[in-house]
Amino acid sequence: MSDTRSQSTVLFVQHLLRFARRVVGRFWANHGILLAGGVGYNVLLSAIPLAALLGVVLSHIVPEAKLLEVISFQARLLGTGQSALLVEAVKTFLNSREVVGFISVPVMLFFSSFAFRMMEDAIAIIFHRPDAPSRSFWVSAVLPFAFILVLGIGLLSLTLVVIFADLFYDRPGTVLYPLSFLCMFVLFSAIYKVLPIVRIKPSRAIIGGFVAALLWEGTRLVLMYYLQNVSFVNVIYGSLTTSIIILITLEVGAIILLLGAQVIAELEDSAYAGLPWYQGARLREQKNVPGAPRRRAEDRVQ
């Protein structure tokens, strides 16, 4: 009995290593590191206008001080101790919102959508198949703004929770941290479910989102310790240190996001070809896979 169990464990480990090697190979073939650099740069480009825009809109609904507190907390979860830069930019914009006027709103929306547009293009490369149809132009145009709307609703909900928690707890941050992690998990799962052109099973999107959120939280803590106690980035880059640290952090986060997408893509390819999860289908290299079932029309495009 024990011999059978040990053999099963060894076989599972072999399959897992084979699958991991395939994922890394496909990720490298898709130029995943290059894509992650583009996603990280565009997230940095979109972060300040997005936070400022949401801050201006939501400040009409909730107290500005509580809103800035939540934005600062979220910035700390997305960065490595460089949240003060984002919060200061949002404060500056809030103080001058009467001067800026409504003309800047479309411009800020345009720049805020850069991250999601680049993310959609990167996800499309990861999930590319020769027989996959292209997404409608209008769907691609609306998706970034739908994500911005969801982020705004999430930020409003977190702020209301903080206001409510202040009535019962002395330290509302203890409530804010798990809720922020939950929001990050939901955001990752939504990206895996909505952005790919092909239809993704909700269970795989949810599992991928949870694993990606856990990996990001662990990586963020390691990066924070390394950059604050071991790294010589401040010696090398001087006054550019803050920008470099933010870029490194965002690129690492983008690598985690795209690696999770690659895992889901490989699982989808194996299931589509009727193969076990640890066997590759090579659907990206072949237009027709012998013996593979044809995908139904409703399973192709969202």
Protein backbone atom coordinates (compact mmCIF):
# COMPACT_ATOMS: atom_id res chain seq x y z
CA MET A 1 0.00 0.00 0.00
CA SER A 2 2.80 2.41 0.93
CA ASP A 3 4.74 1.45 -2.23
CA THR A 4 1.72 2.27 -4.39
CA ARG A 5 1.28 5.62 -2.66
CA SER A 6 4.97 6.51 -3.06
CA GLN A 7 4.86 5.54 -6.74
CA SER A 8 1.81 7.74 -7.25
CA THR A 9 3.57 10.64 -5.51
CA VAL A 10 6.67 10.22 -7.67
CA LEU A 11 4.53 10.04 -10.82
CA PHE A 12 2.62 13.18 -9.83
CA VAL A 13 5.86 15.06 -9.17
CA GLN A 14 7.18 13.98 -12.58
CA HIS A 15 4.00 15.18 -14.28
CA LEU A 16 4.14 18.45 -12.34
CA LEU A 17 7.76 19.07 -13.37
CA ARG A 18 6.90 18.23 -16.97
CA PHE A 19 4.00 20.66 -16.89
CA ALA A 20 6.10 23.39 -15.25
CA ARG A 21 8.81 22.96 -17.90
CA ARG A 22 6.19 23.27 -20.61
CA VAL A 23 4.69 26.40 -19.06
CA VAL A 24 8.07 28.10 -18.72
CA GLY A 25 9.02 27.10 -22.28
CA ARG A 26 5.82 28.51 -23.76
CA PHE A 27 6.09 31.62 -21.59
CA TRP A 28 9.61 32.21 -22.88
CA ALA A 29 8.53 31.52 -26.49
CA ASN A 30 5.75 34.11 -26.07
CA HIS A 31 8.36 36.68 -24.91
CA GLY A 32 6.64 36.80 -21.52
CA ILE A 33 9.36 38.89 -19.86
CA LEU A 34 9.11 41.49 -22.61
CA LEU A 35 5.32 41.54 -22.32
CA ALA A 36 5.59 41.91 -18.53
CA GLY A 37 7.87 44.92 -18.98
CA GLY A 38 5.29 46.55 -21.24
CA VAL A 39 2.46 45.81 -18.81
CA GLY A 40 4.46 47.14 -15.84
CA TYR A 41 5.36 50.37 -17.65
CA ASN A 42 1.75 50.98 -18.71
CA VAL A 43 0.48 50.28 -15.19
CA LEU A 44 2.90 52.93 -13.92
CA LEU A 45 1.67 55.30 -16.63
CA SER A 46 -1.97 54.69 -15.69
CA ALA A 47 -1.72 54.50 -11.90
CA ILE A 48 -1.59 58.22 -11.06
CA PRO A 49 -4.32 59.45 -13.45
CA LEU A 50 -6.52 56.49 -12.49
CA ALA A 51 -6.11 57.11 -8.75
CA ALA A 52 -6.61 60.86 -9.20
CA LEU A 53 -9.73 60.38 -11.31
CA LEU A 54 -11.29 57.91 -8.88
CA GLY A 55 -10.32 60.20 -5.99
CA VAL A 56 -12.09 63.20 -7.52
CA VAL A 57 -15.25 61.23 -8.31
CA LEU A 58 -15.48 59.39 -4.99
CA SER A 59 -14.62 62.46 -2.88
CA HIS A 60 -18.15 63.69 -3.67
CA ILE A 61 -19.55 60.56 -1.98
CA VAL A 62 -17.22 59.77 0.94
CA PRO A 63 -14.96 61.91 3.16
CA GLU A 64 -11.72 62.83 1.43
CA ALA A 65 -9.51 61.86 4.41
CA LYS A 66 -10.90 58.32 4.56
CA LEU A 67 -10.61 57.96 0.80
CA LEU A 68 -6.94 58.98 0.87
CA GLU A 69 -6.35 56.54 3.72
CA VAL A 70 -7.73 53.67 1.64
CA ILE A 71 -5.80 54.76 -1.49
CA SER A 72 -2.59 54.89 0.57
CA PHE A 73 -3.24 51.39 1.93
CA GLN A 74 -3.91 49.99 -1.55
CA ALA A 75 -0.77 51.67 -2.91
CA ARG A 76 1.27 49.96 -0.17
CA LEU A 77 -0.15 46.59 -1.24
CA LEU A 78 0.74 47.26 -4.88
CA GLY A 79 4.17 48.72 -4.21
CA THR A 80 7.17 48.31 -1.93
CA GLY A 81 6.89 51.23 0.45
CA GLN A 82 6.58 53.90 -2.26
CA SER A 83 2.90 54.71 -1.67
CA ALA A 84 3.60 58.29 -0.56
CA LEU A 85 4.36 59.32 -4.15
CA LEU A 86 0.95 58.20 -5.40
CA VAL A 87 -0.94 59.67 -2.46
CA GLU A 88 0.83 63.02 -2.83
CA ALA A 89 -0.09 63.14 -6.53
CA VAL A 90 -3.73 62.40 -5.71
CA LYS A 91 -3.75 65.10 -2.99
CA THR A 92 -2.31 67.66 -5.43
CA PHE A 93 -4.97 66.87 -7.98
CA LEU A 94 -7.76 67.02 -5.41
CA ASN A 95 -6.60 70.43 -4.26
CA SER A 96 -6.58 71.78 -7.82
CA ARG A 97 -9.64 70.02 -9.22
CA GLU A 98 -11.54 73.31 -9.69
CA VAL A 99 -8.70 74.64 -11.83
CA VAL A 100 -8.33 71.47 -13.89
CA GLY A 101 -11.99 71.33 -14.87
CA PHE A 102 -13.97 68.77 -16.85
CA ILE A 103 -11.76 69.04 -19.96
CA SER A 104 -9.08 66.88 -18.34
CA VAL A 105 -11.48 64.02 -17.50
CA PRO A 106 -11.44 62.41 -21.01
CA VAL A 107 -7.64 62.79 -21.09
CA MET A 108 -7.30 61.10 -17.70
CA LEU A 109 -9.67 58.33 -18.74
CA PHE A 110 -7.57 57.79 -21.86
CA PHE A 111 -4.31 57.49 -19.91
CA SER A 112 -5.99 55.39 -17.20
CA SER A 113 -6.99 52.80 -19.80
CA PHE A 114 -3.41 52.22 -21.04
CA ALA A 115 -2.69 49.48 -18.48
CA PHE A 116 -5.78 47.45 -19.35
CA ARG A 117 -5.22 47.82 -23.10
CA MET A 118 -1.66 46.56 -22.81
CA MET A 119 -2.81 43.79 -20.49
CA GLU A 120 -5.43 42.69 -23.02
CA ASP A 121 -2.82 42.55 -25.80
CA ALA A 122 -0.42 40.55 -23.61
CA ILE A 123 -3.16 38.10 -22.56
CA ALA A 124 -4.16 37.71 -26.24
CA ILE A 125 -0.60 36.61 -27.09
CA ILE A 126 -0.55 34.12 -24.20
CA PHE A 127 -3.89 32.57 -25.23
CA HIS A 128 -3.33 32.83 -29.00
CA ARG A 129 -4.60 30.00 -31.21
CA PRO A 130 -4.55 29.84 -35.02
CA ASP A 131 -8.31 29.20 -35.16
CA ALA A 132 -9.26 31.80 -32.54
CA PRO A 133 -11.39 34.65 -33.97
CA SER A 134 -10.54 38.26 -33.19
CA ARG A 135 -12.47 40.23 -30.59
CA SER A 136 -14.81 42.99 -31.67
CA PHE A 137 -13.27 46.48 -31.73
CA TRP A 138 -16.06 47.90 -29.59
CA VAL A 139 -15.69 45.16 -26.96
CA SER A 140 -11.96 45.86 -26.73
CA ALA A 141 -12.67 49.59 -26.51
CA VAL A 142 -15.19 49.21 -23.67
CA LEU A 143 -13.33 46.60 -21.57
CA PRO A 144 -10.72 48.98 -20.04
CA PHE A 145 -13.42 51.40 -18.92
CA ALA A 146 -15.46 48.51 -17.48
CA PHE A 147 -12.45 47.53 -15.38
CA ILE A 148 -12.03 51.16 -14.28
CA LEU A 149 -15.68 51.19 -13.21
CA VAL A 150 -15.20 47.95 -11.25
CA LEU A 151 -12.10 49.40 -9.56
CA GLY A 152 -14.07 52.51 -8.63
CA ILE A 153 -16.85 50.42 -7.09
CA GLY A 154 -14.26 48.37 -5.18
CA LEU A 155 -12.52 51.50 -3.86
CA LEU A 156 -15.86 52.98 -2.79
CA SER A 157 -16.83 49.76 -1.03
CA LEU A 158 -13.51 49.59 0.85
CA THR A 159 -13.86 53.23 1.95
CA LEU A 160 -17.38 52.63 3.23
CA VAL A 161 -16.14 49.56 5.12
CA VAL A 162 -13.40 51.67 6.77
CA ILE A 163 -15.94 54.33 7.77
CA PHE A 164 -18.23 51.66 9.21
CA ALA A 165 -15.32 49.87 10.98
CA ASP A 166 -14.26 53.12 12.64
CA LEU A 167 -17.50 53.00 14.61
CA PHE A 168 -16.69 49.62 16.17
CA TYR A 169 -12.90 49.08 16.00
CA ASP A 170 -9.92 51.11 17.13
CA ARG A 171 -7.77 49.69 14.29
CA PRO A 172 -9.85 49.40 11.10
CA GLY A 173 -6.71 48.39 9.17
CA THR A 174 -7.14 44.85 10.51
CA VAL A 175 -10.38 44.68 8.52
CA LEU A 176 -8.98 46.50 5.49
CA TYR A 177 -6.08 44.11 4.83
CA PRO A 178 -8.08 40.89 4.22
CA LEU A 179 -10.67 42.84 2.21
CA SER A 180 -7.90 44.34 0.08
CA PHE A 181 -6.48 40.88 -0.56
CA LEU A 182 -9.97 39.69 -1.49
CA CYS A 183 -10.30 42.58 -3.97
CA MET A 184 -6.93 41.71 -5.50
CA PHE A 185 -7.99 38.07 -5.83
CA VAL A 186 -11.24 39.12 -7.53
CA LEU A 187 -9.33 41.46 -9.89
CA PHE A 188 -6.88 38.73 -10.95
CA SER A 189 -9.73 36.24 -11.46
CA ALA A 190 -11.67 38.77 -13.54
CA ILE A 191 -8.60 39.40 -15.72
CA TYR A 192 -8.18 35.65 -16.33
CA LYS A 193 -11.87 35.18 -17.05
CA VAL A 194 -12.71 38.27 -19.14
CA LEU A 195 -9.58 39.34 -21.05
CA PRO A 196 -8.75 36.09 -22.96
CA ILE A 197 -10.43 35.77 -26.34
CA VAL A 198 -11.25 32.10 -25.73
CA ARG A 199 -13.72 31.06 -23.07
CA ILE A 200 -12.10 30.14 -19.75
CA LYS A 201 -13.74 27.95 -17.15
CA PRO A 202 -14.68 29.99 -14.06
CA SER A 203 -13.05 27.42 -11.77
CA ARG A 204 -9.68 27.81 -13.50
CA ALA A 205 -9.95 31.61 -13.46
CA ILE A 206 -10.78 31.58 -9.73
CA ILE A 207 -7.96 29.18 -8.82
CA GLY A 208 -5.51 31.13 -11.01
CA GLY A 209 -6.58 34.42 -9.43
CA PHE A 210 -6.16 33.08 -5.90
CA VAL A 211 -2.71 31.60 -6.59
CA ALA A 212 -1.57 34.79 -8.38
CA ALA A 213 -2.77 36.95 -5.47
CA LEU A 214 -0.91 34.73 -2.97
CA LEU A 215 2.27 34.77 -5.08
CA TRP A 216 2.09 38.54 -5.43
CA GLU A 217 1.65 39.09 -1.70
CA GLY A 218 4.59 36.80 -0.89
CA THR A 219 6.78 38.35 -3.59
CA ARG A 220 5.88 41.86 -2.43
CA LEU A 221 7.02 41.11 1.11
CA VAL A 222 10.29 39.57 -0.11
CA LEU A 223 10.93 42.51 -2.45
CA MET A 224 10.17 44.99 0.30
CA TYR A 225 12.67 43.35 2.65
CA TYR A 226 15.33 43.04 -0.05
CA LEU A 227 15.05 46.59 -1.35
CA GLN A 228 15.03 48.09 2.15
CA ASN A 229 17.80 45.99 3.73
CA VAL A 230 20.01 44.37 1.06
CA SER A 231 19.71 46.18 -2.26
CA PHE A 232 22.09 48.90 -3.49
CA VAL A 233 19.52 50.43 -5.85
CA ASN A 234 19.68 53.81 -4.09
CA VAL A 235 23.48 53.87 -4.51
CA ILE A 236 23.33 53.01 -8.20
CA TYR A 237 20.37 55.12 -9.36
CA GLY A 238 20.42 58.01 -6.88
CA SER A 239 17.46 60.33 -7.39
CA LEU A 240 15.83 57.82 -9.78
CA THR A 241 15.61 55.17 -7.06
CA THR A 242 11.87 55.59 -6.40
CA SER A 243 10.93 55.22 -10.07
CA ILE A 244 13.22 52.21 -10.51
CA ILE A 245 11.81 50.44 -7.45
CA ILE A 246 8.23 51.01 -8.61
CA LEU A 247 9.05 49.75 -12.12
CA ILE A 248 10.77 46.63 -10.76
CA THR A 249 7.83 45.91 -8.48
CA LEU A 250 5.25 46.35 -11.23
CA GLU A 251 7.22 44.22 -13.69
CA VAL A 252 7.53 41.39 -11.17
CA GLY A 253 3.78 41.63 -10.55
CA ALA A 254 3.15 41.51 -14.31
CA ILE A 255 5.35 38.41 -14.63
CA ILE A 256 3.26 36.68 -11.95
CA LEU A 257 0.04 37.73 -13.71
CA LEU A 258 1.18 36.50 -17.13
CA LEU A 259 2.68 33.28 -15.77
CA GLY A 260 -0.69 32.50 -14.19
CA ALA A 261 -2.33 33.19 -17.56
CA GLN A 262 0.17 30.83 -19.24
CA VAL A 263 -0.70 28.07 -16.76
CA ILE A 264 -4.40 28.48 -17.51
CA ALA A 265 -3.71 28.57 -21.27
CA GLU A 266 -1.80 25.27 -21.11
CA LEU A 267 -4.57 23.63 -19.08
CA GLU A 268 -7.14 24.89 -21.58
CA ASP A 269 -5.10 23.56 -24.53
CA SER A 270 -4.77 20.11 -22.97
CA ALA A 271 -8.49 19.94 -22.15
CA TYR A 272 -9.40 21.22 -25.63
CA ALA A 273 -7.33 18.44 -27.25
CA GLY A 274 -8.72 15.78 -24.92
CA LEU A 275 -5.35 15.15 -23.27
CA PRO A 276 -4.28 14.90 -19.61
CA TRP A 277 -3.27 18.19 -18.01
CA TYR A 278 0.43 17.35 -18.06
CA GLN A 279 0.54 16.67 -21.83
CA GLY A 280 0.97 19.54 -24.25
CA ALA A 281 -1.38 19.88 -27.22
CA ARG A 282 0.72 22.30 -29.34
CA LEU A 283 -2.44 24.03 -30.57
CA ARG A 284 -0.53 27.21 -31.28
CA GLU A 285 1.70 25.50 -33.81
CA GLN A 286 -0.99 23.47 -35.57
CA LYS A 287 -4.16 24.68 -37.16
CA ASN A 288 -5.77 21.23 -36.95
CA VAL A 289 -5.08 18.72 -34.22
CA PRO A 290 -5.97 15.13 -35.31
CA GLY A 291 -8.58 13.68 -33.06
CA ALA A 292 -9.20 16.96 -31.22
CA PRO A 293 -12.86 17.92 -30.89
CA ARG A 294 -13.99 21.05 -32.66
CA ARG A 295 -14.84 23.88 -30.33
CA ARG A 296 -18.44 24.96 -30.24
CA ALA A 297 -19.24 28.46 -31.40
CA GLU A 298 -20.48 29.54 -27.98
CA ASP A 299 -17.14 28.44 -26.40
CA ARG A 300 -14.97 30.53 -28.69
CA VAL A 301 -15.69 34.16 -28.07
CA GLN A 302 -17.16 36.04 -25.19
